[in-house]
Amino acid sequence: MATVTRRLPSPDTGTLLAWAAILNAEILLTLVYVVLSSGTPTNPLTYVYPWVWLNVAGWAVVRARPTPTSRRVRWLAAAIGVAYFLVVAYAGGLYHLSGAGLGLSVHWLPPGWGPTLVYSTAAATVVAMPFKLGGYAALAYLVSVTVRDASASALSGVLGLVSCVSCTWPVLATVATGLFGSASALTSVAMTRAYGISTVVFVVSVLALSWRPTR
């Protein structure tokens, strides 16, 4: 009986070069920040977490292949993705429905954590932290892709949507620490060890939505 050997796909030279350039740019940007910053880094992983989020998010979005569907299904999937983003963005501290009316301010945190734009009105506050914004947007897009998959394969779609429960885990530590306030408060949040666990769960969540054996 013949044995069938399956080989894992390997990246081509162009992909490897592109990722090498991206990683080198990130390392260089981080080193420039460390050199120019007056603060002394106490935990080197602090500078790694946001790049992991952004790189994994970018990788997942680029490799996503949405199932061709009708326009109605595409609009439904997009609406669910937007709704999901609004939920996790709220739970993750990107915005909340209260504010001090202080207007726009910029907080120069380490690369990926910042530059963070904070816009506060009397009714709401928006905290645009780059790695969270990119990470949650990627999760929302993967959720919309999963909905489109569900229209073609019920089993695949259900498993994908169930796996999305874990997408809320990375925001729990963020809710506990709170992202709003002065620049010093934002900096203290950036150094919180809880982001190590959040990063691991975020990566697992993205992988669960990106790769489904039944797809």
N, C-alpha and C. Protein backbone atom coordinates (compact mmCIF):
# COMPACT_ATOMS: atom_id res chain seq x y z
N MET A 1 0.85 -1.19 0.00
CA MET A 1 0.00 0.00 0.00
C MET A 1 0.89 1.24 0.00
N ALA A 2 0.63 2.17 -0.91
CA ALA A 2 1.46 3.35 -1.06
C ALA A 2 1.26 4.31 0.11
N THR A 3 2.33 4.90 0.53
CA THR A 3 2.28 5.87 1.63
C THR A 3 2.33 7.27 1.06
N VAL A 4 1.37 8.11 1.47
CA VAL A 4 1.30 9.48 1.00
C VAL A 4 1.96 10.39 2.03
N THR A 5 2.95 11.11 1.61
CA THR A 5 3.67 12.02 2.50
C THR A 5 3.25 13.45 2.22
N ARG A 6 2.81 14.14 3.23
CA ARG A 6 2.39 15.53 3.09
C ARG A 6 3.47 16.43 3.65
N ARG A 7 3.87 17.41 2.86
CA ARG A 7 4.90 18.34 3.28
C ARG A 7 4.27 19.67 3.68
N LEU A 8 4.78 20.21 4.76
CA LEU A 8 4.29 21.51 5.20
C LEU A 8 4.75 22.58 4.21
N PRO A 9 3.88 23.55 3.91
CA PRO A 9 4.28 24.61 2.98
C PRO A 9 5.42 25.44 3.56
N SER A 10 6.38 25.77 2.73
CA SER A 10 7.51 26.58 3.17
C SER A 10 7.47 27.93 2.48
N PRO A 11 7.85 28.99 3.18
CA PRO A 11 7.80 30.33 2.58
C PRO A 11 8.83 30.47 1.46
N ASP A 12 8.48 31.25 0.45
CA ASP A 12 9.41 31.48 -0.63
C ASP A 12 10.44 32.53 -0.22
N THR A 13 11.46 32.70 -1.08
CA THR A 13 12.55 33.62 -0.77
C THR A 13 12.05 35.06 -0.60
N GLY A 14 11.12 35.47 -1.46
CA GLY A 14 10.60 36.83 -1.35
C GLY A 14 9.90 37.08 -0.03
N THR A 15 9.14 36.09 0.45
CA THR A 15 8.45 36.23 1.73
C THR A 15 9.45 36.33 2.88
N LEU A 16 10.48 35.48 2.83
CA LEU A 16 11.50 35.52 3.88
C LEU A 16 12.23 36.86 3.91
N LEU A 17 12.55 37.38 2.73
CA LEU A 17 13.23 38.67 2.66
C LEU A 17 12.34 39.79 3.18
N ALA A 18 11.04 39.72 2.85
CA ALA A 18 10.11 40.74 3.31
C ALA A 18 10.01 40.74 4.83
N TRP A 19 9.90 39.55 5.43
CA TRP A 19 9.80 39.47 6.88
C TRP A 19 11.11 39.87 7.55
N ALA A 20 12.23 39.55 6.92
CA ALA A 20 13.53 39.96 7.46
C ALA A 20 13.63 41.49 7.49
N ALA A 21 13.15 42.13 6.42
CA ALA A 21 13.18 43.59 6.37
C ALA A 21 12.27 44.19 7.44
N ILE A 22 11.08 43.59 7.61
CA ILE A 22 10.13 44.08 8.61
C ILE A 22 10.71 43.96 10.02
N LEU A 23 11.26 42.79 10.33
CA LEU A 23 11.81 42.57 11.67
C LEU A 23 13.01 43.47 11.94
N ASN A 24 13.85 43.65 10.94
CA ASN A 24 15.00 44.55 11.11
C ASN A 24 14.56 45.98 11.36
N ALA A 25 13.52 46.41 10.64
CA ALA A 25 13.00 47.76 10.82
C ALA A 25 12.43 47.93 12.23
N GLU A 26 11.73 46.90 12.71
CA GLU A 26 11.15 46.97 14.05
C GLU A 26 12.23 47.02 15.11
N ILE A 27 13.27 46.20 14.94
CA ILE A 27 14.38 46.20 15.90
C ILE A 27 15.08 47.55 15.90
N LEU A 28 15.32 48.09 14.73
CA LEU A 28 15.99 49.38 14.62
C LEU A 28 15.16 50.49 15.26
N LEU A 29 13.87 50.49 15.00
CA LEU A 29 12.99 51.51 15.57
C LEU A 29 12.97 51.42 17.09
N THR A 30 12.93 50.19 17.61
CA THR A 30 12.93 50.00 19.06
C THR A 30 14.24 50.46 19.68
N LEU A 31 15.36 50.14 19.05
CA LEU A 31 16.66 50.55 19.57
C LEU A 31 16.80 52.07 19.57
N VAL A 32 16.31 52.72 18.52
CA VAL A 32 16.35 54.18 18.46
C VAL A 32 15.54 54.76 19.61
N TYR A 33 14.36 54.19 19.89
CA TYR A 33 13.54 54.68 20.99
C TYR A 33 14.26 54.51 22.32
N VAL A 34 14.88 53.33 22.53
CA VAL A 34 15.57 53.07 23.79
C VAL A 34 16.72 54.05 24.00
N VAL A 35 17.46 54.32 22.93
CA VAL A 35 18.60 55.23 23.02
C VAL A 35 18.14 56.65 23.32
N LEU A 36 17.08 57.09 22.67
CA LEU A 36 16.62 58.46 22.83
C LEU A 36 15.74 58.67 24.05
N SER A 37 15.18 57.58 24.58
CA SER A 37 14.28 57.70 25.72
C SER A 37 15.07 57.94 27.00
N SER A 38 14.48 58.73 27.88
CA SER A 38 15.13 59.01 29.17
C SER A 38 14.93 57.88 30.17
N GLY A 39 13.94 57.04 29.92
CA GLY A 39 13.66 55.95 30.84
C GLY A 39 14.58 54.76 30.60
N THR A 40 14.77 53.93 31.62
CA THR A 40 15.58 52.72 31.53
C THR A 40 14.67 51.51 31.45
N PRO A 41 14.80 50.68 30.41
CA PRO A 41 13.91 49.51 30.28
C PRO A 41 14.12 48.53 31.42
N THR A 42 13.05 48.10 32.06
CA THR A 42 13.13 47.14 33.15
C THR A 42 12.76 45.74 32.69
N ASN A 43 11.98 45.64 31.62
CA ASN A 43 11.57 44.35 31.09
C ASN A 43 11.64 44.40 29.57
N PRO A 44 12.69 43.79 28.97
CA PRO A 44 12.84 43.86 27.51
C PRO A 44 11.64 43.34 26.75
N LEU A 45 10.87 42.39 27.35
CA LEU A 45 9.71 41.85 26.66
C LEU A 45 8.64 42.91 26.41
N THR A 46 8.70 43.98 27.18
CA THR A 46 7.76 45.07 26.98
C THR A 46 7.83 45.59 25.55
N TYR A 47 9.03 45.59 24.99
CA TYR A 47 9.21 46.10 23.63
C TYR A 47 8.87 45.06 22.57
N VAL A 48 8.70 43.81 22.99
CA VAL A 48 8.44 42.72 22.05
C VAL A 48 6.94 42.50 21.85
N TYR A 49 6.16 42.63 22.92
CA TYR A 49 4.74 42.31 22.85
C TYR A 49 4.00 42.99 21.70
N PRO A 50 4.11 44.31 21.55
CA PRO A 50 3.32 44.94 20.48
C PRO A 50 3.72 44.48 19.09
N TRP A 51 5.01 44.19 18.87
CA TRP A 51 5.44 43.70 17.55
C TRP A 51 4.88 42.32 17.28
N VAL A 52 4.76 41.49 18.32
CA VAL A 52 4.16 40.17 18.14
C VAL A 52 2.71 40.33 17.69
N TRP A 53 1.97 41.20 18.36
CA TRP A 53 0.57 41.44 18.00
C TRP A 53 0.47 41.90 16.55
N LEU A 54 1.25 42.92 16.20
CA LEU A 54 1.14 43.51 14.87
C LEU A 54 1.61 42.55 13.78
N ASN A 55 2.69 41.80 14.03
CA ASN A 55 3.19 40.87 13.03
C ASN A 55 2.23 39.71 12.81
N VAL A 56 1.73 39.15 13.91
CA VAL A 56 0.78 38.04 13.79
C VAL A 56 -0.50 38.51 13.11
N ALA A 57 -0.96 39.71 13.47
CA ALA A 57 -2.17 40.25 12.85
C ALA A 57 -1.97 40.45 11.35
N GLY A 58 -0.83 41.03 10.97
CA GLY A 58 -0.56 41.24 9.56
C GLY A 58 -0.44 39.94 8.80
N TRP A 59 0.25 38.96 9.39
CA TRP A 59 0.39 37.65 8.75
C TRP A 59 -0.97 37.01 8.50
N ALA A 60 -1.84 37.05 9.50
CA ALA A 60 -3.14 36.39 9.38
C ALA A 60 -4.01 37.07 8.34
N VAL A 61 -4.01 38.39 8.31
CA VAL A 61 -4.84 39.12 7.36
C VAL A 61 -4.37 38.88 5.92
N VAL A 62 -3.05 38.88 5.72
CA VAL A 62 -2.51 38.69 4.37
C VAL A 62 -2.82 37.30 3.83
N ARG A 63 -2.76 36.28 4.70
CA ARG A 63 -2.97 34.92 4.23
C ARG A 63 -4.43 34.50 4.22
N ALA A 64 -5.32 35.33 4.75
CA ALA A 64 -6.74 34.98 4.78
C ALA A 64 -7.30 34.92 3.36
N ARG A 65 -8.09 33.90 3.10
CA ARG A 65 -8.70 33.72 1.79
C ARG A 65 -10.21 33.57 1.99
N PRO A 66 -10.95 34.69 1.99
CA PRO A 66 -12.41 34.62 2.22
C PRO A 66 -13.09 33.77 1.16
N THR A 67 -14.07 33.00 1.58
CA THR A 67 -14.85 32.19 0.65
C THR A 67 -15.71 33.08 -0.23
N PRO A 68 -15.68 32.87 -1.55
CA PRO A 68 -16.55 33.65 -2.45
C PRO A 68 -18.02 33.43 -2.08
N THR A 69 -18.74 34.51 -1.85
CA THR A 69 -20.14 34.42 -1.44
C THR A 69 -20.95 35.50 -2.15
N SER A 70 -22.23 35.50 -1.87
CA SER A 70 -23.11 36.52 -2.44
C SER A 70 -22.87 37.86 -1.75
N ARG A 71 -23.35 38.92 -2.37
CA ARG A 71 -23.18 40.26 -1.79
C ARG A 71 -23.88 40.34 -0.44
N ARG A 72 -25.02 39.69 -0.30
CA ARG A 72 -25.76 39.73 0.97
C ARG A 72 -24.93 39.12 2.09
N VAL A 73 -24.29 37.99 1.82
CA VAL A 73 -23.46 37.34 2.84
C VAL A 73 -22.25 38.20 3.17
N ARG A 74 -21.66 38.83 2.16
CA ARG A 74 -20.49 39.68 2.40
C ARG A 74 -20.85 40.86 3.30
N TRP A 75 -22.00 41.48 3.06
CA TRP A 75 -22.44 42.60 3.89
C TRP A 75 -22.73 42.12 5.32
N LEU A 76 -23.34 40.95 5.44
CA LEU A 76 -23.63 40.40 6.76
C LEU A 76 -22.34 40.12 7.52
N ALA A 77 -21.37 39.51 6.83
CA ALA A 77 -20.09 39.20 7.46
C ALA A 77 -19.37 40.48 7.89
N ALA A 78 -19.42 41.50 7.03
CA ALA A 78 -18.78 42.77 7.37
C ALA A 78 -19.44 43.41 8.58
N ALA A 79 -20.76 43.36 8.64
CA ALA A 79 -21.48 43.96 9.77
C ALA A 79 -21.13 43.24 11.07
N ILE A 80 -21.04 41.91 11.02
CA ILE A 80 -20.69 41.16 12.22
C ILE A 80 -19.25 41.47 12.63
N GLY A 81 -18.37 41.62 11.65
CA GLY A 81 -16.98 41.97 11.96
C GLY A 81 -16.89 43.33 12.63
N VAL A 82 -17.63 44.31 12.12
CA VAL A 82 -17.62 45.66 12.71
C VAL A 82 -18.17 45.62 14.13
N ALA A 83 -19.29 44.88 14.31
CA ALA A 83 -19.89 44.77 15.64
C ALA A 83 -18.92 44.11 16.62
N TYR A 84 -18.22 43.08 16.15
CA TYR A 84 -17.25 42.41 17.00
C TYR A 84 -16.12 43.35 17.40
N PHE A 85 -15.63 44.13 16.42
CA PHE A 85 -14.56 45.08 16.71
C PHE A 85 -15.00 46.08 17.76
N LEU A 86 -16.22 46.61 17.64
CA LEU A 86 -16.71 47.58 18.61
C LEU A 86 -16.79 46.99 20.01
N VAL A 87 -17.16 45.70 20.09
CA VAL A 87 -17.26 45.05 21.40
C VAL A 87 -15.89 44.87 22.03
N VAL A 88 -14.94 44.26 21.27
CA VAL A 88 -13.63 44.00 21.87
C VAL A 88 -12.84 45.29 22.07
N ALA A 89 -13.06 46.29 21.20
CA ALA A 89 -12.38 47.57 21.37
C ALA A 89 -12.85 48.25 22.65
N TYR A 90 -14.13 48.14 22.94
CA TYR A 90 -14.66 48.72 24.18
C TYR A 90 -14.13 47.96 25.40
N ALA A 91 -14.18 46.62 25.32
CA ALA A 91 -13.69 45.82 26.44
C ALA A 91 -12.19 45.98 26.62
N GLY A 92 -11.48 46.20 25.50
CA GLY A 92 -10.04 46.33 25.56
C GLY A 92 -9.54 47.72 25.85
N GLY A 93 -10.43 48.68 26.02
CA GLY A 93 -10.02 50.00 26.43
C GLY A 93 -9.69 50.97 25.32
N LEU A 94 -10.04 50.65 24.08
CA LEU A 94 -9.76 51.59 23.00
C LEU A 94 -10.72 52.78 23.01
N TYR A 95 -11.88 52.61 23.61
CA TYR A 95 -12.79 53.74 23.78
C TYR A 95 -13.74 53.46 24.93
N HIS A 96 -14.29 54.50 25.49
CA HIS A 96 -15.35 54.34 26.48
C HIS A 96 -16.25 55.57 26.45
N LEU A 97 -17.45 55.38 26.92
CA LEU A 97 -18.49 56.39 26.77
C LEU A 97 -18.51 57.37 27.95
N SER A 98 -17.40 58.01 28.16
CA SER A 98 -17.29 59.10 29.14
C SER A 98 -15.99 59.82 28.83
N GLY A 99 -15.91 61.05 29.28
CA GLY A 99 -14.69 61.80 28.99
C GLY A 99 -14.61 63.09 29.77
N ALA A 100 -13.42 63.69 29.72
CA ALA A 100 -13.18 64.92 30.45
C ALA A 100 -13.19 66.14 29.54
N GLY A 101 -13.41 65.93 28.25
CA GLY A 101 -13.44 67.04 27.31
C GLY A 101 -12.10 67.73 27.14
N LEU A 102 -11.01 66.97 27.18
CA LEU A 102 -9.67 67.55 27.10
C LEU A 102 -9.15 67.66 25.67
N GLY A 103 -9.89 67.12 24.70
CA GLY A 103 -9.45 67.21 23.32
C GLY A 103 -8.42 66.15 22.98
N LEU A 104 -7.52 66.48 22.04
CA LEU A 104 -6.55 65.52 21.52
C LEU A 104 -5.20 65.66 22.22
N SER A 105 -4.60 64.51 22.56
CA SER A 105 -3.26 64.50 23.13
C SER A 105 -2.50 63.29 22.57
N VAL A 106 -1.19 63.41 22.53
CA VAL A 106 -0.33 62.34 22.01
C VAL A 106 0.61 61.87 23.11
N HIS A 107 0.70 60.54 23.29
CA HIS A 107 1.56 59.96 24.32
C HIS A 107 2.63 59.11 23.64
N TRP A 108 3.90 59.48 23.85
CA TRP A 108 5.01 58.83 23.15
C TRP A 108 5.51 57.63 23.94
N LEU A 109 4.77 56.55 23.84
CA LEU A 109 5.15 55.28 24.47
C LEU A 109 6.10 54.52 23.55
N PRO A 110 6.66 53.40 24.00
CA PRO A 110 7.54 52.60 23.14
C PRO A 110 6.84 52.20 21.83
N PRO A 111 7.60 51.97 20.77
CA PRO A 111 7.01 51.62 19.48
C PRO A 111 6.02 50.48 19.57
N GLY A 112 4.89 50.65 18.94
CA GLY A 112 3.82 49.66 19.02
C GLY A 112 2.81 50.02 20.09
N TRP A 113 3.30 50.39 21.27
CA TRP A 113 2.43 50.94 22.31
C TRP A 113 2.03 52.36 21.92
N GLY A 114 2.94 53.03 21.29
CA GLY A 114 2.70 54.40 20.87
C GLY A 114 3.29 54.65 19.51
N PRO A 115 3.14 55.83 18.99
CA PRO A 115 2.45 56.94 19.66
C PRO A 115 0.95 56.67 19.82
N THR A 116 0.48 56.88 21.03
CA THR A 116 -0.93 56.67 21.34
C THR A 116 -1.68 58.00 21.28
N LEU A 117 -2.71 58.03 20.47
CA LEU A 117 -3.56 59.22 20.38
C LEU A 117 -4.74 59.06 21.32
N VAL A 118 -4.93 60.06 22.17
CA VAL A 118 -6.07 60.07 23.09
C VAL A 118 -6.94 61.27 22.76
N TYR A 119 -8.19 60.99 22.44
CA TYR A 119 -9.13 62.07 22.12
C TYR A 119 -10.30 61.99 23.09
N SER A 120 -10.48 63.04 23.85
CA SER A 120 -11.50 63.04 24.89
C SER A 120 -12.49 64.19 24.69
N THR A 121 -13.76 63.83 24.65
CA THR A 121 -14.83 64.81 24.64
C THR A 121 -15.64 64.63 25.92
N ALA A 122 -16.69 65.41 26.05
CA ALA A 122 -17.53 65.27 27.25
C ALA A 122 -18.30 63.96 27.23
N ALA A 123 -18.50 63.37 26.03
CA ALA A 123 -19.33 62.18 25.92
C ALA A 123 -18.53 60.89 25.77
N ALA A 124 -17.31 60.95 25.26
CA ALA A 124 -16.55 59.73 24.99
C ALA A 124 -15.05 60.01 24.97
N THR A 125 -14.28 58.94 25.13
CA THR A 125 -12.83 59.01 25.04
C THR A 125 -12.34 57.88 24.15
N VAL A 126 -11.44 58.21 23.23
CA VAL A 126 -10.85 57.22 22.33
C VAL A 126 -9.35 57.17 22.61
N VAL A 127 -8.84 55.95 22.80
CA VAL A 127 -7.42 55.74 23.05
C VAL A 127 -6.89 54.84 21.93
N ALA A 128 -6.26 55.43 20.94
CA ALA A 128 -5.80 54.68 19.76
C ALA A 128 -4.38 54.18 19.98
N MET A 129 -4.26 53.04 20.64
CA MET A 129 -2.96 52.41 20.86
C MET A 129 -2.68 51.48 19.68
N PRO A 130 -1.60 51.69 18.94
CA PRO A 130 -1.38 51.01 17.66
C PRO A 130 -1.52 49.50 17.68
N PHE A 131 -0.87 48.81 18.62
CA PHE A 131 -0.89 47.35 18.54
C PHE A 131 -2.26 46.78 18.88
N LYS A 132 -2.98 47.44 19.77
CA LYS A 132 -4.33 46.99 20.08
C LYS A 132 -5.27 47.26 18.91
N LEU A 133 -5.13 48.43 18.31
CA LEU A 133 -5.97 48.78 17.18
C LEU A 133 -5.76 47.78 16.04
N GLY A 134 -4.51 47.48 15.73
CA GLY A 134 -4.23 46.52 14.67
C GLY A 134 -4.65 45.11 15.03
N GLY A 135 -4.41 44.71 16.28
CA GLY A 135 -4.76 43.36 16.71
C GLY A 135 -6.25 43.11 16.70
N TYR A 136 -7.02 44.03 17.26
CA TYR A 136 -8.46 43.84 17.31
C TYR A 136 -9.09 43.94 15.92
N ALA A 137 -8.53 44.81 15.07
CA ALA A 137 -9.04 44.90 13.70
C ALA A 137 -8.81 43.59 12.96
N ALA A 138 -7.65 42.97 13.18
CA ALA A 138 -7.36 41.69 12.54
C ALA A 138 -8.31 40.61 13.03
N LEU A 139 -8.57 40.56 14.34
CA LEU A 139 -9.52 39.58 14.87
C LEU A 139 -10.90 39.78 14.26
N ALA A 140 -11.32 41.05 14.16
CA ALA A 140 -12.64 41.34 13.59
C ALA A 140 -12.71 40.88 12.13
N TYR A 141 -11.64 41.12 11.38
CA TYR A 141 -11.62 40.69 9.97
C TYR A 141 -11.69 39.16 9.88
N LEU A 142 -10.95 38.46 10.75
CA LEU A 142 -10.98 37.00 10.73
C LEU A 142 -12.35 36.47 11.11
N VAL A 143 -13.04 37.17 11.99
CA VAL A 143 -14.41 36.77 12.34
C VAL A 143 -15.31 36.91 11.12
N SER A 144 -15.17 38.00 10.38
CA SER A 144 -16.00 38.18 9.18
C SER A 144 -15.68 37.11 8.14
N VAL A 145 -14.39 36.73 8.02
CA VAL A 145 -14.02 35.65 7.10
C VAL A 145 -14.66 34.34 7.54
N THR A 146 -14.69 34.10 8.85
CA THR A 146 -15.30 32.89 9.38
C THR A 146 -16.78 32.84 9.06
N VAL A 147 -17.45 33.98 9.15
CA VAL A 147 -18.89 34.03 8.81
C VAL A 147 -19.08 33.67 7.34
N ARG A 148 -18.21 34.16 6.48
CA ARG A 148 -18.31 33.83 5.07
C ARG A 148 -18.06 32.35 4.83
N ASP A 149 -17.12 31.79 5.58
CA ASP A 149 -16.87 30.35 5.48
C ASP A 149 -18.11 29.56 5.91
N ALA A 150 -18.80 30.07 6.93
CA ALA A 150 -19.97 29.38 7.45
C ALA A 150 -21.06 29.24 6.40
N SER A 151 -21.12 30.17 5.47
CA SER A 151 -22.14 30.10 4.42
C SER A 151 -21.87 28.96 3.45
N ALA A 152 -20.58 28.52 3.40
CA ALA A 152 -20.23 27.44 2.49
C ALA A 152 -20.14 26.10 3.20
N SER A 153 -19.76 26.12 4.47
CA SER A 153 -19.61 24.89 5.23
C SER A 153 -20.09 25.11 6.66
N ALA A 154 -21.20 24.52 7.00
CA ALA A 154 -21.79 24.75 8.32
C ALA A 154 -20.84 24.31 9.43
N LEU A 155 -20.21 23.11 9.27
CA LEU A 155 -19.34 22.59 10.32
C LEU A 155 -18.13 23.49 10.51
N SER A 156 -17.51 23.88 9.40
CA SER A 156 -16.34 24.75 9.48
C SER A 156 -16.69 26.07 10.13
N GLY A 157 -17.81 26.63 9.75
CA GLY A 157 -18.22 27.91 10.29
C GLY A 157 -18.50 27.86 11.77
N VAL A 158 -19.20 26.79 12.20
CA VAL A 158 -19.54 26.66 13.61
C VAL A 158 -18.27 26.53 14.45
N LEU A 159 -17.33 25.68 14.01
CA LEU A 159 -16.09 25.51 14.76
C LEU A 159 -15.30 26.80 14.81
N GLY A 160 -15.30 27.54 13.71
CA GLY A 160 -14.59 28.81 13.69
C GLY A 160 -15.19 29.81 14.64
N LEU A 161 -16.52 29.89 14.66
CA LEU A 161 -17.18 30.84 15.54
C LEU A 161 -17.01 30.46 17.00
N VAL A 162 -17.01 29.15 17.28
CA VAL A 162 -16.78 28.71 18.65
C VAL A 162 -15.37 29.08 19.10
N SER A 163 -14.40 28.90 18.20
CA SER A 163 -13.02 29.24 18.56
C SER A 163 -12.89 30.72 18.83
N CYS A 164 -13.81 31.54 18.31
CA CYS A 164 -13.72 32.98 18.48
C CYS A 164 -14.02 33.41 19.91
N VAL A 165 -14.57 32.49 20.72
CA VAL A 165 -14.79 32.82 22.12
C VAL A 165 -13.47 33.24 22.77
N SER A 166 -12.38 32.58 22.37
CA SER A 166 -11.08 32.90 22.95
C SER A 166 -10.58 34.27 22.54
N CYS A 167 -11.21 34.88 21.52
CA CYS A 167 -10.74 36.20 21.08
C CYS A 167 -10.96 37.26 22.16
N THR A 168 -11.85 37.01 23.09
CA THR A 168 -12.11 38.00 24.13
C THR A 168 -11.11 37.90 25.27
N TRP A 169 -10.38 36.79 25.35
CA TRP A 169 -9.45 36.63 26.47
C TRP A 169 -8.38 37.70 26.52
N PRO A 170 -7.78 38.11 25.38
CA PRO A 170 -6.70 39.09 25.50
C PRO A 170 -7.13 40.43 26.08
N VAL A 171 -8.42 40.72 26.09
CA VAL A 171 -8.83 42.04 26.56
C VAL A 171 -9.05 42.08 28.07
N LEU A 172 -9.08 40.93 28.74
CA LEU A 172 -9.42 40.91 30.16
C LEU A 172 -8.38 41.65 31.00
N ALA A 173 -7.09 41.43 30.70
CA ALA A 173 -6.04 42.12 31.46
C ALA A 173 -6.10 43.61 31.22
N THR A 174 -6.49 44.00 30.00
CA THR A 174 -6.57 45.41 29.67
C THR A 174 -7.68 46.09 30.46
N VAL A 175 -8.80 45.40 30.61
CA VAL A 175 -9.90 45.97 31.39
C VAL A 175 -9.46 46.20 32.83
N ALA A 176 -8.70 45.25 33.37
CA ALA A 176 -8.27 45.35 34.77
C ALA A 176 -7.29 46.51 34.99
N THR A 177 -6.41 46.74 34.03
CA THR A 177 -5.39 47.77 34.23
C THR A 177 -5.91 49.16 33.92
N GLY A 178 -6.77 49.32 32.88
CA GLY A 178 -7.30 50.63 32.52
C GLY A 178 -6.28 51.46 31.76
N LEU A 179 -6.70 52.00 30.62
CA LEU A 179 -5.77 52.70 29.76
C LEU A 179 -5.90 54.21 29.81
N PHE A 180 -6.82 54.72 30.62
CA PHE A 180 -7.14 56.14 30.51
C PHE A 180 -6.49 56.96 31.62
N GLY A 181 -6.06 58.15 31.26
CA GLY A 181 -5.47 59.04 32.24
C GLY A 181 -4.28 59.76 31.68
N SER A 182 -3.32 60.04 32.53
CA SER A 182 -2.15 60.82 32.13
C SER A 182 -1.14 59.96 31.40
N ALA A 183 -0.09 60.59 30.89
CA ALA A 183 0.96 59.85 30.20
C ALA A 183 1.63 58.86 31.14
N SER A 184 1.80 59.23 32.42
CA SER A 184 2.44 58.33 33.36
C SER A 184 1.58 57.10 33.60
N ALA A 185 0.26 57.28 33.62
CA ALA A 185 -0.64 56.14 33.79
C ALA A 185 -0.55 55.20 32.60
N LEU A 186 -0.50 55.77 31.40
CA LEU A 186 -0.37 54.95 30.20
C LEU A 186 0.95 54.18 30.22
N THR A 187 2.01 54.82 30.66
CA THR A 187 3.31 54.16 30.71
C THR A 187 3.29 53.00 31.69
N SER A 188 2.66 53.19 32.84
CA SER A 188 2.59 52.11 33.81
C SER A 188 1.82 50.93 33.28
N VAL A 189 0.77 51.19 32.49
CA VAL A 189 0.01 50.11 31.87
C VAL A 189 0.90 49.36 30.88
N ALA A 190 1.70 50.10 30.14
CA ALA A 190 2.56 49.48 29.13
C ALA A 190 3.55 48.51 29.75
N MET A 191 3.87 48.69 31.03
CA MET A 191 4.85 47.83 31.67
C MET A 191 4.20 46.67 32.43
N THR A 192 2.90 46.51 32.33
CA THR A 192 2.20 45.48 33.09
C THR A 192 2.52 44.08 32.58
N ARG A 193 2.87 43.19 33.48
CA ARG A 193 3.23 41.82 33.10
C ARG A 193 2.06 41.06 32.50
N ALA A 194 0.84 41.47 32.80
CA ALA A 194 -0.34 40.76 32.30
C ALA A 194 -0.36 40.68 30.78
N TYR A 195 0.35 41.57 30.11
CA TYR A 195 0.34 41.56 28.65
C TYR A 195 1.07 40.34 28.09
N GLY A 196 1.92 39.69 28.88
CA GLY A 196 2.54 38.46 28.42
C GLY A 196 1.51 37.39 28.17
N ILE A 197 0.59 37.21 29.13
CA ILE A 197 -0.49 36.24 28.98
C ILE A 197 -1.43 36.66 27.86
N SER A 198 -1.75 37.94 27.81
CA SER A 198 -2.64 38.43 26.77
C SER A 198 -2.06 38.18 25.38
N THR A 199 -0.75 38.34 25.24
CA THR A 199 -0.10 38.14 23.95
C THR A 199 -0.20 36.68 23.52
N VAL A 200 0.04 35.78 24.44
CA VAL A 200 -0.04 34.35 24.13
C VAL A 200 -1.45 33.99 23.68
N VAL A 201 -2.46 34.47 24.42
CA VAL A 201 -3.84 34.14 24.09
C VAL A 201 -4.25 34.79 22.76
N PHE A 202 -3.75 36.00 22.50
CA PHE A 202 -4.05 36.65 21.23
C PHE A 202 -3.52 35.82 20.07
N VAL A 203 -2.28 35.35 20.18
CA VAL A 203 -1.69 34.55 19.11
C VAL A 203 -2.48 33.26 18.91
N VAL A 204 -2.86 32.60 20.00
CA VAL A 204 -3.65 31.37 19.90
C VAL A 204 -4.99 31.64 19.25
N SER A 205 -5.62 32.78 19.60
CA SER A 205 -6.91 33.14 19.02
C SER A 205 -6.80 33.36 17.52
N VAL A 206 -5.75 34.06 17.10
CA VAL A 206 -5.56 34.31 15.68
C VAL A 206 -5.32 33.00 14.93
N LEU A 207 -4.50 32.12 15.50
CA LEU A 207 -4.24 30.83 14.86
C LEU A 207 -5.51 29.99 14.77
N ALA A 208 -6.33 30.05 15.82
CA ALA A 208 -7.58 29.27 15.81
C ALA A 208 -8.52 29.74 14.72
N LEU A 209 -8.53 31.04 14.45
CA LEU A 209 -9.40 31.57 13.41
C LEU A 209 -8.78 31.47 12.01
N SER A 210 -7.46 31.40 11.95
CA SER A 210 -6.78 31.35 10.66
C SER A 210 -6.68 29.95 10.10
N TRP A 211 -6.52 28.96 11.00
CA TRP A 211 -6.33 27.58 10.55
C TRP A 211 -7.37 26.70 11.21
N ARG A 212 -8.24 26.14 10.39
CA ARG A 212 -9.28 25.24 10.89
C ARG A 212 -9.21 23.96 10.06
N PRO A 213 -8.92 22.81 10.71
CA PRO A 213 -8.72 21.56 9.98
C PRO A 213 -9.92 21.17 9.12
N THR A 214 -11.13 21.57 9.51
CA THR A 214 -12.32 21.15 8.78
C THR A 214 -12.63 22.07 7.62
N ARG A 215 -11.82 23.12 7.45
CA ARG A 215 -12.12 24.09 6.41
C ARG A 215 -11.97 23.47 5.04
